[in-house]
């Protein structure tokens, strides 16, 4: 009887979780694809096969959120149905306590937590690196696709903007290039105008090369030592192999830990905060399934429809509040505060869950 009940509850929760995760992940990945579709298909002219690979690489990142949230929604629906059909009452009359009835659910929650831990630590960083490689391959194979006549292009660098009046193959006319001053103010900005320029790729150094003809160059504007000069056939290069500095999404936790132990001398506190946040977030989010289960199970132990709707609302608010802590943590520059904000929701959910289980026993 007990083993049959365990298998029944386990299977009910598992099937409902799979449906919820697939549905949530579909909409989350679809939304991300729609955001990127123009830059991938139109601007970068990425083939459909690469777009599909890009979507597959996004899918693991969506699981960080959809697995715990889908699991919580599934538990609410399953336990509310069991309660409404008096199946829970039958199990209690057979001598099973509420904690014993929920045991299969917490076994499933533990399995999902270890699955999420593997996804967060291994799969997601590899997927992020794969997507970066896709974008670099597109640039390397078709650097001309980055420059659109009559449009400002900033895909070279966040501080670089490029405008051309027209383009014919590898040749562009009336080129304007602006490079903003460095954030540390040690280096001034740069403005370049060229009547025409040739777009090429240096295969040895993997750099996009603009050969500027009849160029006017102004460097150091905003500084005392401004420079003005004319040049013919002057090269301007952009390294397509470089990655954003200290990007925690594409780094493994071992790499992040090494970075935090030996940070660069000029690293900013904001970068330290983001690194610390990503390190703890991968662990804390992995155990969100256990934390949500401790809240969702007692909230699902209701009989009246009005209470059930209230339980779903409370659970959704708790789920949204859980991820709000991660947003606040990403804005903090204090490593200790970041760790506390990321782990606090788990302990808070466990505390609320224990209190709700205590209430459910006497309901």
Protein backbone atom coordinates (compact mmCIF):
# COMPACT_ATOMS: atom_id res chain seq x y z
CA UNK A 1 0.00 0.00 0.00
CA UNK A 2 2.68 2.44 1.02
CA UNK A 3 4.95 1.62 -1.93
CA UNK A 4 2.02 1.87 -4.31
CA UNK A 5 1.10 5.28 -2.89
CA UNK A 6 4.73 6.43 -3.17
CA UNK A 7 4.95 5.43 -6.82
CA UNK A 8 1.58 7.03 -7.54
CA UNK A 9 2.47 10.40 -5.97
CA UNK A 10 5.99 10.33 -7.47
CA UNK A 11 4.71 9.67 -11.00
CA UNK A 12 1.95 12.27 -10.70
CA UNK A 13 4.45 14.93 -9.61
CA UNK A 14 7.02 13.91 -12.23
CA UNK A 15 4.61 13.98 -15.19
CA UNK A 16 3.11 17.32 -14.13
CA UNK A 17 6.61 18.77 -13.66
CA UNK A 18 7.71 17.67 -17.12
CA UNK A 19 4.68 19.31 -18.71
CA UNK A 20 5.21 22.53 -16.76
CA UNK A 21 8.97 22.72 -17.47
CA UNK A 22 8.52 22.05 -21.19
CA UNK A 23 5.80 24.70 -21.45
CA UNK A 24 7.70 27.34 -19.49
CA UNK A 25 10.98 26.62 -21.28
CA UNK A 26 9.29 26.84 -24.68
CA UNK A 27 7.97 30.34 -24.04
CA UNK A 28 11.19 31.50 -22.38
CA UNK A 29 13.42 30.24 -25.21
CA UNK A 30 10.97 31.50 -27.82
CA UNK A 31 11.03 34.96 -26.26
CA UNK A 32 14.83 35.01 -26.27
CA UNK A 33 14.96 33.86 -29.89
CA UNK A 34 12.55 36.63 -30.94
CA UNK A 35 14.83 39.17 -29.23
CA UNK A 36 17.89 37.86 -31.07
CA UNK A 37 16.30 36.87 -34.39
CA UNK A 38 16.97 40.16 -36.18
CA UNK A 39 20.64 40.32 -35.26
CA UNK A 40 21.08 36.60 -36.01
CA UNK A 41 19.21 36.29 -39.31
CA UNK A 42 19.18 39.82 -40.74
CA UNK A 43 22.24 41.59 -39.42
CA UNK A 44 24.62 38.65 -39.03
CA UNK A 45 22.97 36.51 -41.76
CA UNK A 46 23.26 33.44 -39.61
CA UNK A 47 22.04 30.25 -41.36
CA UNK A 48 18.96 28.54 -39.96
CA UNK A 49 21.03 25.58 -38.80
CA UNK A 50 23.14 27.89 -36.64
CA UNK A 51 20.00 29.61 -35.32
CA UNK A 52 18.74 26.17 -34.25
CA UNK A 53 22.02 25.48 -32.50
CA UNK A 54 21.80 28.90 -30.86
CA UNK A 55 18.31 28.04 -29.56
CA UNK A 56 19.51 24.70 -28.19
CA UNK A 57 22.30 26.50 -26.34
CA UNK A 58 19.77 28.87 -24.78
CA UNK A 59 17.62 25.98 -23.52
CA UNK A 60 19.93 24.94 -20.62
CA UNK A 61 19.96 28.52 -19.30
CA UNK A 62 16.16 28.52 -19.23
CA UNK A 63 16.16 25.37 -17.08
CA UNK A 64 17.78 27.33 -14.25
CA UNK A 65 14.42 29.06 -13.76
CA UNK A 66 11.84 26.76 -15.32
CA UNK A 67 12.70 23.56 -13.42
CA UNK A 68 12.11 24.90 -9.87
CA UNK A 69 9.20 27.11 -10.89
CA UNK A 70 7.56 24.38 -12.97
CA UNK A 71 8.09 21.88 -10.15
CA UNK A 72 6.39 24.19 -7.67
CA UNK A 73 3.41 24.75 -9.97
CA UNK A 74 3.13 21.00 -10.58
CA UNK A 75 3.12 20.21 -6.86
CA UNK A 76 0.38 22.73 -6.20
CA UNK A 77 -1.82 21.24 -8.90
CA UNK A 78 -1.14 17.61 -7.92
CA UNK A 79 -1.71 18.04 -4.19
CA UNK A 80 -4.77 20.22 -4.67
CA UNK A 81 -6.28 17.53 -6.88
CA UNK A 82 -5.39 14.78 -4.40
CA UNK A 83 -6.90 16.83 -1.61
CA UNK A 84 -10.05 17.72 -3.56
CA UNK A 85 -10.68 14.05 -4.43
CA UNK A 86 -10.11 12.96 -0.79
CA UNK A 87 -7.17 10.75 -1.77
CA UNK A 88 -4.98 12.44 0.82
CA UNK A 89 -7.59 11.77 3.48
CA UNK A 90 -7.59 8.09 2.53
CA UNK A 91 -3.81 7.92 2.86
CA UNK A 92 -3.98 9.60 6.27
CA UNK A 93 -6.62 7.14 7.45
CA UNK A 94 -4.25 4.33 6.45
CA UNK A 95 -1.79 5.68 9.01
CA UNK A 96 0.49 7.86 6.85
CA UNK A 97 1.45 11.29 8.18
CA UNK A 98 1.60 14.35 5.93
CA UNK A 99 5.40 14.26 5.99
CA UNK A 100 5.36 10.58 4.99
CA UNK A 101 2.89 11.27 2.16
CA UNK A 102 5.17 14.04 0.85
CA UNK A 103 8.34 11.87 1.06
CA UNK A 104 8.28 10.85 -2.67
CA UNK A 105 7.96 14.50 -3.61
CA UNK A 106 11.09 15.43 -1.67
CA UNK A 107 12.94 12.52 -3.27
CA UNK A 108 11.98 13.97 -6.66
CA UNK A 109 12.98 17.44 -5.46
CA UNK A 110 16.42 16.13 -4.50
CA UNK A 111 16.84 14.50 -7.91
CA UNK A 112 15.83 17.73 -9.67
CA UNK A 113 18.23 19.73 -7.49
CA UNK A 114 21.19 17.56 -8.46
CA UNK A 115 20.08 17.73 -12.10
CA UNK A 116 19.97 21.53 -11.90
CA UNK A 117 23.35 21.59 -10.18
CA UNK A 118 24.87 19.66 -13.09
CA UNK A 119 23.14 21.97 -15.59
CA UNK A 120 24.34 25.11 -13.78
CA UNK A 121 27.94 24.02 -13.25
CA UNK A 122 28.68 22.15 -16.47
CA UNK A 123 26.13 22.62 -19.24
CA UNK A 124 25.29 26.33 -19.05
CA UNK A 125 28.91 27.65 -19.19
CA UNK A 126 29.65 25.33 -22.15
CA UNK A 127 26.47 26.50 -23.93
CA UNK A 128 27.41 30.16 -23.41
CA UNK A 129 30.86 29.55 -24.88
CA UNK A 130 29.27 27.73 -27.82
CA UNK A 131 26.98 30.66 -28.59
CA UNK A 132 29.91 33.06 -28.45
CA UNK A 133 31.78 30.81 -30.90
CA UNK A 134 28.78 30.86 -33.26
CA UNK A 135 28.78 34.65 -33.35
CA UNK A 136 32.55 34.83 -33.89
CA UNK A 137 32.35 32.29 -36.72
CA UNK A 138 29.70 34.39 -38.46
CA UNK A 139 31.87 37.49 -38.17
CA UNK A 140 34.91 35.62 -39.43
CA UNK A 141 33.10 34.13 -42.43
CA UNK A 142 31.26 37.30 -43.40
CA UNK A 143 32.73 40.46 -41.80
CA UNK A 144 30.95 42.66 -44.37
CA UNK A 145 27.61 41.67 -42.82
CA UNK A 146 28.45 43.78 -39.76
CA UNK A 147 28.37 47.04 -41.71
CA UNK A 148 25.01 48.29 -42.99
CA UNK A 149 24.90 51.42 -45.17
CA UNK A 150 22.93 54.25 -43.63
CA UNK A 151 22.90 52.59 -40.20
CA UNK A 152 25.08 53.09 -37.14
CA UNK A 153 26.96 49.89 -36.33
CA UNK A 154 28.20 49.25 -32.79
CA UNK A 155 28.87 45.50 -32.99
CA UNK A 156 32.63 46.02 -33.14
CA UNK A 157 32.84 47.27 -29.60
CA UNK A 158 30.55 48.88 -27.01
CA UNK A 159 32.62 52.09 -27.27
CA UNK A 160 32.89 52.09 -31.08
CA UNK A 161 30.24 53.35 -33.50
CA UNK A 162 30.60 53.12 -37.27
CA UNK A 163 28.57 54.76 -40.06
CA UNK A 164 28.97 54.38 -43.82
CA UNK A 165 26.97 56.03 -46.57
CA UNK A 166 27.11 53.16 -49.04
CA UNK A 167 28.75 49.78 -49.60
CA UNK A 168 29.67 47.83 -52.71
CA UNK A 169 31.04 44.42 -51.81
CA UNK A 170 34.13 44.96 -49.67
CA UNK A 171 34.29 48.69 -50.43
CA UNK A 172 32.46 51.32 -48.35
CA UNK A 173 32.05 55.04 -49.05
CA UNK A 174 32.06 57.99 -46.66
CA UNK A 175 33.07 56.18 -43.47
CA UNK A 176 32.69 57.79 -40.04
CA UNK A 177 34.10 55.98 -37.01
CA UNK A 178 33.76 57.17 -33.41
CA UNK A 179 35.53 55.61 -30.46
CA UNK A 180 34.50 56.97 -27.08
CA UNK A 181 37.09 57.82 -24.42
CA UNK A 182 38.10 54.97 -22.13
CA UNK A 183 36.17 54.63 -18.88
CA UNK A 184 39.31 55.20 -16.82
CA UNK A 185 39.85 58.54 -18.64
CA UNK A 186 43.52 57.63 -19.29
CA UNK A 187 42.92 57.47 -23.02
CA UNK A 188 41.02 59.97 -25.11
CA UNK A 189 38.52 59.24 -27.82
CA UNK A 190 39.03 58.93 -31.55
CA UNK A 191 37.24 60.13 -34.68
CA UNK A 192 38.05 58.86 -38.17
CA UNK A 193 36.67 59.94 -41.51
CA UNK A 194 37.60 58.24 -44.76
CA UNK A 195 36.33 58.87 -48.27
CA UNK A 196 36.35 55.13 -48.81
CA UNK A 197 37.63 52.01 -47.07
CA UNK A 198 38.10 48.32 -47.78
CA UNK A 199 36.79 45.63 -45.43
CA UNK A 200 39.03 42.60 -45.03
CA UNK A 201 40.04 39.87 -42.63
CA UNK A 202 43.57 39.17 -41.42
CA UNK A 203 43.53 35.37 -41.33
CA UNK A 204 46.77 35.13 -39.31
CA UNK A 205 45.66 37.33 -36.42
CA UNK A 206 41.88 36.78 -36.91
CA UNK A 207 41.22 40.51 -36.98
CA UNK A 208 38.76 42.50 -39.04
CA UNK A 209 40.77 45.07 -40.98
CA UNK A 210 39.52 48.35 -42.43
CA UNK A 211 41.97 49.88 -44.91
CA UNK A 212 41.17 53.61 -44.88
CA UNK A 213 41.83 55.72 -47.98
CA UNK A 214 42.26 59.51 -47.71
CA UNK A 215 41.53 59.38 -44.00
CA UNK A 216 41.25 62.22 -41.53
CA UNK A 217 42.05 61.09 -37.98
CA UNK A 218 41.51 62.98 -34.76
CA UNK A 219 42.76 61.34 -31.56
CA UNK A 220 42.60 62.32 -27.94
CA UNK A 221 39.63 64.68 -28.17
CA UNK A 222 38.69 65.75 -24.71
CA UNK A 223 42.39 65.62 -23.71
CA UNK A 224 45.10 68.27 -23.77
CA UNK A 225 47.31 66.34 -26.20
CA UNK A 226 44.86 66.17 -29.10
CA UNK A 227 46.28 64.92 -32.40
CA UNK A 228 45.11 65.68 -35.95
CA UNK A 229 46.59 64.09 -39.05
CA UNK A 230 45.79 62.80 -42.51
CA UNK A 231 46.63 59.31 -43.71
CA UNK A 232 46.31 57.19 -46.83
CA UNK A 233 45.83 53.41 -46.75
CA UNK A 234 45.77 53.51 -42.94
CA UNK A 235 44.71 50.21 -41.30
CA UNK A 236 42.17 50.02 -38.46
CA UNK A 237 41.73 46.56 -36.89
CA UNK A 238 39.29 44.87 -34.55
CA UNK A 239 40.07 41.58 -32.85
CA UNK A 240 37.15 39.18 -33.48
CA UNK A 241 38.62 36.54 -31.17
CA UNK A 242 38.41 38.56 -28.01
CA UNK A 243 35.70 37.85 -25.49
CA UNK A 244 34.10 40.25 -23.01
CA UNK A 245 36.43 40.61 -20.08
CA UNK A 246 35.51 38.60 -17.02
CA UNK A 247 32.23 37.27 -18.41
CA UNK A 248 30.92 35.06 -15.57
CA UNK A 249 28.23 33.38 -17.70
CA UNK A 250 30.76 31.56 -19.87
CA UNK A 251 33.14 30.75 -17.02
CA UNK A 252 33.06 27.60 -14.92
CA UNK A 253 32.84 27.91 -11.15
CA UNK A 254 36.45 26.74 -10.89
CA UNK A 255 37.51 29.61 -13.17
CA UNK A 256 35.39 32.08 -11.19
CA UNK A 257 36.89 30.86 -7.90
CA UNK A 258 40.40 31.27 -9.32
CA UNK A 259 39.50 34.77 -10.52
CA UNK A 260 38.20 35.72 -7.06
CA UNK A 261 41.31 34.33 -5.36
CA UNK A 262 43.63 36.22 -7.71
CA UNK A 263 41.71 39.22 -9.07
CA UNK A 264 43.48 41.58 -11.50
CA UNK A 265 44.92 44.71 -9.95
CA UNK A 266 42.56 47.01 -11.90
CA UNK A 267 39.38 44.96 -11.40
CA UNK A 268 36.32 46.96 -10.38
CA UNK A 269 34.20 46.10 -7.29
CA UNK A 270 31.19 45.68 -9.59
CA UNK A 271 32.97 42.86 -11.45
CA UNK A 272 33.85 41.17 -8.16
CA UNK A 273 30.19 41.40 -7.16
CA UNK A 274 28.99 39.84 -10.43
CA UNK A 275 31.53 37.03 -10.17
CA UNK A 276 30.51 36.27 -6.59
CA UNK A 277 26.85 36.42 -7.55
CA UNK A 278 27.26 33.95 -10.41
CA UNK A 279 29.30 31.57 -8.22
CA UNK A 280 26.69 31.37 -5.45
CA UNK A 281 23.70 31.66 -7.77
CA UNK A 282 24.55 28.40 -9.53
CA UNK A 283 24.45 26.56 -6.21
CA UNK A 284 21.51 28.35 -4.61
CA UNK A 285 19.28 28.11 -7.70
CA UNK A 286 20.06 24.40 -7.97
CA UNK A 287 18.48 23.77 -4.56
CA UNK A 288 15.46 25.94 -5.29
CA UNK A 289 13.45 22.81 -6.11
CA UNK A 290 13.83 21.55 -2.54
CA UNK A 291 13.03 24.97 -1.14
CA UNK A 292 9.91 25.34 -3.31
CA UNK A 293 8.74 21.82 -2.48
CA UNK A 294 8.73 22.62 1.23
CA UNK A 295 6.29 25.47 0.53
CA UNK A 296 4.22 24.03 -2.31
CA UNK A 297 3.27 20.74 -0.61
CA UNK A 298 1.56 22.23 2.47
CA UNK A 299 -0.04 24.95 0.32
CA UNK A 300 -1.51 22.20 -1.85
CA UNK A 301 -3.07 20.45 1.15
CA UNK A 302 -6.33 22.37 0.89
CA UNK A 303 -9.92 21.36 0.28
CA UNK A 304 -11.74 24.53 -0.49
CA UNK A 305 -11.34 26.07 -3.93
CA UNK A 306 -10.96 29.56 -2.51
CA UNK A 307 -8.03 28.48 -0.37
CA UNK A 308 -6.50 26.69 -3.35
CA UNK A 309 -6.49 29.84 -5.47
CA UNK A 310 -4.92 31.73 -2.60
CA UNK A 311 -2.25 29.05 -2.26
CA UNK A 312 -1.32 29.32 -5.93
CA UNK A 313 -1.07 33.10 -5.64
CA UNK A 314 1.12 32.88 -2.55
CA UNK A 315 3.36 30.31 -4.24
CA UNK A 316 3.75 32.43 -7.38
CA UNK A 317 4.61 35.46 -5.28
CA UNK A 318 7.19 33.42 -3.38
CA UNK A 319 8.66 32.21 -6.65
CA UNK A 320 8.88 35.72 -8.06
CA UNK A 321 10.34 37.02 -4.80
CA UNK A 322 12.94 34.24 -4.86
CA UNK A 323 14.39 35.48 -8.14
CA UNK A 324 14.14 39.14 -7.13
CA UNK A 325 16.88 38.40 -4.60
CA UNK A 326 19.20 37.45 -7.47
CA UNK A 327 18.54 40.81 -9.17
CA UNK A 328 19.44 42.64 -5.97
CA UNK A 329 22.54 40.48 -5.52
CA UNK A 330 23.79 41.31 -9.03
CA UNK A 331 23.71 45.01 -8.14
CA UNK A 332 25.70 44.61 -4.93
CA UNK A 333 29.49 45.00 -4.76
CA UNK A 334 29.82 43.42 -1.31
CA UNK A 335 30.69 39.69 -1.69
CA UNK A 336 29.31 38.80 1.75
CA UNK A 337 26.03 40.59 1.08
CA UNK A 338 25.77 38.91 -2.34
CA UNK A 339 26.14 35.43 -0.82
CA UNK A 340 23.62 36.23 1.93
CA UNK A 341 21.01 37.56 -0.52
CA UNK A 342 21.30 34.52 -2.78
CA UNK A 343 21.03 31.90 -0.03
CA UNK A 344 18.44 33.73 2.11
CA UNK A 345 15.43 32.72 -0.09
CA UNK A 346 16.23 29.02 0.36
CA UNK A 347 16.33 29.26 4.14
CA UNK A 348 13.25 31.50 4.11
CA UNK A 349 11.29 28.96 2.05
CA UNK A 350 12.35 26.11 4.32
CA UNK A 351 11.25 28.10 7.37
CA UNK A 352 7.88 28.97 5.84
CA UNK A 353 7.45 25.36 4.73
CA UNK A 354 8.04 23.98 8.24
CA UNK A 355 5.48 26.42 9.63
CA UNK A 356 2.94 25.51 6.92
CA UNK A 357 3.43 21.78 7.56
CA UNK A 358 2.80 22.39 11.25
CA UNK A 359 -0.43 24.23 10.44
CA UNK A 360 -1.54 21.53 7.97
CA UNK A 361 -1.28 18.84 10.64
CA UNK A 362 -4.03 20.47 12.68
CA UNK A 363 -6.25 21.55 9.80
